[in-house]
């Protein structure tokens, strides 16, 4: 199984999108500073992931989420989820 995942920085709220075959190890790598792209924004929490059978599908989905349209879709999904939970976003209840 291959996973596409989204991490959120607990430091500044930035998001990171990646893919891996070992989700637990990869999240630990990010939080341990083993990834140069995420080192300065740690610690992270895993906010969502999707499992796919083929690596090529996971890589294509990761690429989509990193595209402009994919980021907008992901942002809307996260916003709507938090809204249903009653979480404050940007200081206002949505």
C-alpha atoms as a PDB file:
ATOM      1  CA  UNK A   1       0.000   0.000   0.000  1.00  0.00           C
ATOM      2  CA  UNK A   2       1.170   3.537  -0.788  1.00  0.00           C
ATOM      3  CA  UNK A   3      -0.045   6.589   1.057  1.00  0.00           C
ATOM      4  CA  UNK A   4      -0.532  10.209   0.122  1.00  0.00           C
ATOM      5  CA  UNK A   5      -0.546  12.300   3.261  1.00  0.00           C
ATOM      6  CA  UNK A   6      -0.954  15.858   4.473  1.00  0.00           C
ATOM      7  CA  UNK A   7       0.916  17.180   7.478  1.00  0.00           C
ATOM      8  CA  UNK A   8       0.198  20.414   9.286  1.00  0.00           C
ATOM      9  CA  UNK A   9       2.903  22.286  11.148  1.00  0.00           C
ATOM     10  CA  UNK A  10       2.052  22.867  14.797  1.00  0.00           C
ATOM     11  CA  UNK A  11       4.540  25.743  14.669  1.00  0.00           C
ATOM     12  CA  UNK A  12       3.048  27.874  11.886  1.00  0.00           C
ATOM     13  CA  UNK A  13       0.103  25.986  10.354  1.00  0.00           C
ATOM     14  CA  UNK A  14       1.859  25.343   7.044  1.00  0.00           C
ATOM     15  CA  UNK A  15       0.906  22.183   5.165  1.00  0.00           C
ATOM     16  CA  UNK A  16       3.132  19.533   3.605  1.00  0.00           C
ATOM     17  CA  UNK A  17       1.953  16.961   1.070  1.00  0.00           C
ATOM     18  CA  UNK A  18       3.916  13.769   0.452  1.00  0.00           C
ATOM     19  CA  UNK A  19       3.694  10.088  -0.410  1.00  0.00           C
ATOM     20  CA  UNK A  20       5.273   6.969   1.080  1.00  0.00           C
ATOM     21  CA  UNK A  21       4.897   3.240   1.532  1.00  0.00           C
ATOM     22  CA  UNK A  22       5.508   3.516   5.305  1.00  0.00           C
ATOM     23  CA  UNK A  23       3.332   6.279   6.697  1.00  0.00           C
ATOM     24  CA  UNK A  24       4.284   5.944  10.368  1.00  0.00           C
ATOM     25  CA  UNK A  25       8.026   6.003   9.623  1.00  0.00           C
ATOM     26  CA  UNK A  26       7.679   8.966   7.260  1.00  0.00           C
ATOM     27  CA  UNK A  27       5.744  11.099   9.763  1.00  0.00           C
ATOM     28  CA  UNK A  28       8.401  10.269  12.360  1.00  0.00           C
ATOM     29  CA  UNK A  29      11.107  11.282   9.846  1.00  0.00           C
ATOM     30  CA  UNK A  30       9.458  14.664   9.360  1.00  0.00           C
ATOM     31  CA  UNK A  31       9.161  15.249  13.106  1.00  0.00           C
ATOM     32  CA  UNK A  32      12.739  14.099  13.750  1.00  0.00           C
ATOM     33  CA  UNK A  33      14.190  16.607  11.275  1.00  0.00           C
ATOM     34  CA  UNK A  34      15.262  14.017   8.689  1.00  0.00           C
ATOM     35  CA  UNK A  35      13.522  15.869   5.866  1.00  0.00           C
ATOM     36  CA  UNK A  36      15.233  19.072   4.769  1.00  0.00           C
ATOM     37  CA  UNK A  37      11.974  20.439   3.328  1.00  0.00           C
ATOM     38  CA  UNK A  38      10.044  20.198   6.591  1.00  0.00           C
ATOM     39  CA  UNK A  39      12.781  20.572   9.199  1.00  0.00           C
ATOM     40  CA  UNK A  40      12.192  24.272   9.937  1.00  0.00           C
ATOM     41  CA  UNK A  41       8.411  23.910  10.382  1.00  0.00           C
ATOM     42  CA  UNK A  42       8.274  20.970  12.797  1.00  0.00           C
ATOM     43  CA  UNK A  43       6.606  19.527  14.770  1.00  0.00           C
ATOM     44  CA  UNK A  44       3.875  18.227  12.496  1.00  0.00           C
ATOM     45  CA  UNK A  45       0.608  16.430  12.941  1.00  0.00           C
ATOM     46  CA  UNK A  46      -0.910  14.125  10.354  1.00  0.00           C
ATOM     47  CA  UNK A  47      -4.218  15.630   9.286  1.00  0.00           C
ATOM     48  CA  UNK A  48      -5.242  13.266   6.481  1.00  0.00           C
ATOM     49  CA  UNK A  49      -4.021  10.433   4.305  1.00  0.00           C
ATOM     50  CA  UNK A  50      -5.234   8.166   1.533  1.00  0.00           C
ATOM     51  CA  UNK A  51      -4.063   4.626   0.806  1.00  0.00           C
ATOM     52  CA  UNK A  52      -3.601   3.501  -2.786  1.00  0.00           C
ATOM     53  CA  UNK A  53      -2.535   0.121  -4.098  1.00  0.00           C
ATOM     54  CA  UNK A  54      -0.101   1.349  -6.754  1.00  0.00           C
ATOM     55  CA  UNK A  55       2.874   3.630  -6.202  1.00  0.00           C
ATOM     56  CA  UNK A  56       2.255   5.347  -9.533  1.00  0.00           C
ATOM     57  CA  UNK A  57      -1.295   6.248  -8.457  1.00  0.00           C
ATOM     58  CA  UNK A  58      -0.034   7.670  -5.158  1.00  0.00           C
ATOM     59  CA  UNK A  59       2.591   9.747  -6.957  1.00  0.00           C
ATOM     60  CA  UNK A  60       0.004  11.072  -9.431  1.00  0.00           C
ATOM     61  CA  UNK A  61      -2.404  11.963  -6.618  1.00  0.00           C
ATOM     62  CA  UNK A  62       0.403  13.684  -4.676  1.00  0.00           C
ATOM     63  CA  UNK A  63       1.262  15.704  -7.789  1.00  0.00           C
ATOM     64  CA  UNK A  64      -2.406  16.665  -8.193  1.00  0.00           C
ATOM     65  CA  UNK A  65      -2.685  17.837  -4.575  1.00  0.00           C
ATOM     66  CA  UNK A  66       0.443  19.949  -5.052  1.00  0.00           C
ATOM     67  CA  UNK A  67      -1.048  21.632  -8.119  1.00  0.00           C
ATOM     68  CA  UNK A  68      -2.940  24.905  -7.810  1.00  0.00           C
ATOM     69  CA  UNK A  69      -6.356  23.335  -8.257  1.00  0.00           C
ATOM     70  CA  UNK A  70      -5.539  20.362  -6.035  1.00  0.00           C
ATOM     71  CA  UNK A  71      -4.397  22.656  -3.216  1.00  0.00           C
ATOM     72  CA  UNK A  72      -7.648  24.625  -3.477  1.00  0.00           C
ATOM     73  CA  UNK A  73      -9.721  21.436  -3.322  1.00  0.00           C
ATOM     74  CA  UNK A  74      -7.722  20.173  -0.333  1.00  0.00           C
ATOM     75  CA  UNK A  75      -8.025  23.538   1.438  1.00  0.00           C
ATOM     76  CA  UNK A  76     -11.802  23.506   0.947  1.00  0.00           C
ATOM     77  CA  UNK A  77     -12.119  19.935   2.225  1.00  0.00           C
ATOM     78  CA  UNK A  78     -10.095  20.766   5.344  1.00  0.00           C
ATOM     79  CA  UNK A  79     -12.027  24.011   5.919  1.00  0.00           C
ATOM     80  CA  UNK A  80     -15.381  22.240   5.570  1.00  0.00           C
ATOM     81  CA  UNK A  81     -14.273  19.474   7.937  1.00  0.00           C
ATOM     82  CA  UNK A  82     -13.128  21.963  10.563  1.00  0.00           C
ATOM     83  CA  UNK A  83     -16.324  23.953  10.093  1.00  0.00           C
ATOM     84  CA  UNK A  84     -18.420  20.853  10.852  1.00  0.00           C
ATOM     85  CA  UNK A  85     -16.334  20.324  13.999  1.00  0.00           C
ATOM     86  CA  UNK A  86     -16.902  23.935  15.067  1.00  0.00           C
ATOM     87  CA  UNK A  87     -13.194  24.779  14.984  1.00  0.00           C
ATOM     88  CA  UNK A  88     -12.197  28.425  14.765  1.00  0.00           C
ATOM     89  CA  UNK A  89     -10.355  29.290  11.552  1.00  0.00           C
ATOM     90  CA  UNK A  90      -8.436  32.566  11.279  1.00  0.00           C
ATOM     91  CA  UNK A  91     -10.056  33.786  14.486  1.00  0.00           C
ATOM     92  CA  UNK A  92     -13.622  33.417  13.208  1.00  0.00           C
ATOM     93  CA  UNK A  93     -16.087  30.600  13.502  1.00  0.00           C
ATOM     94  CA  UNK A  94     -17.017  29.386  10.011  1.00  0.00           C
END
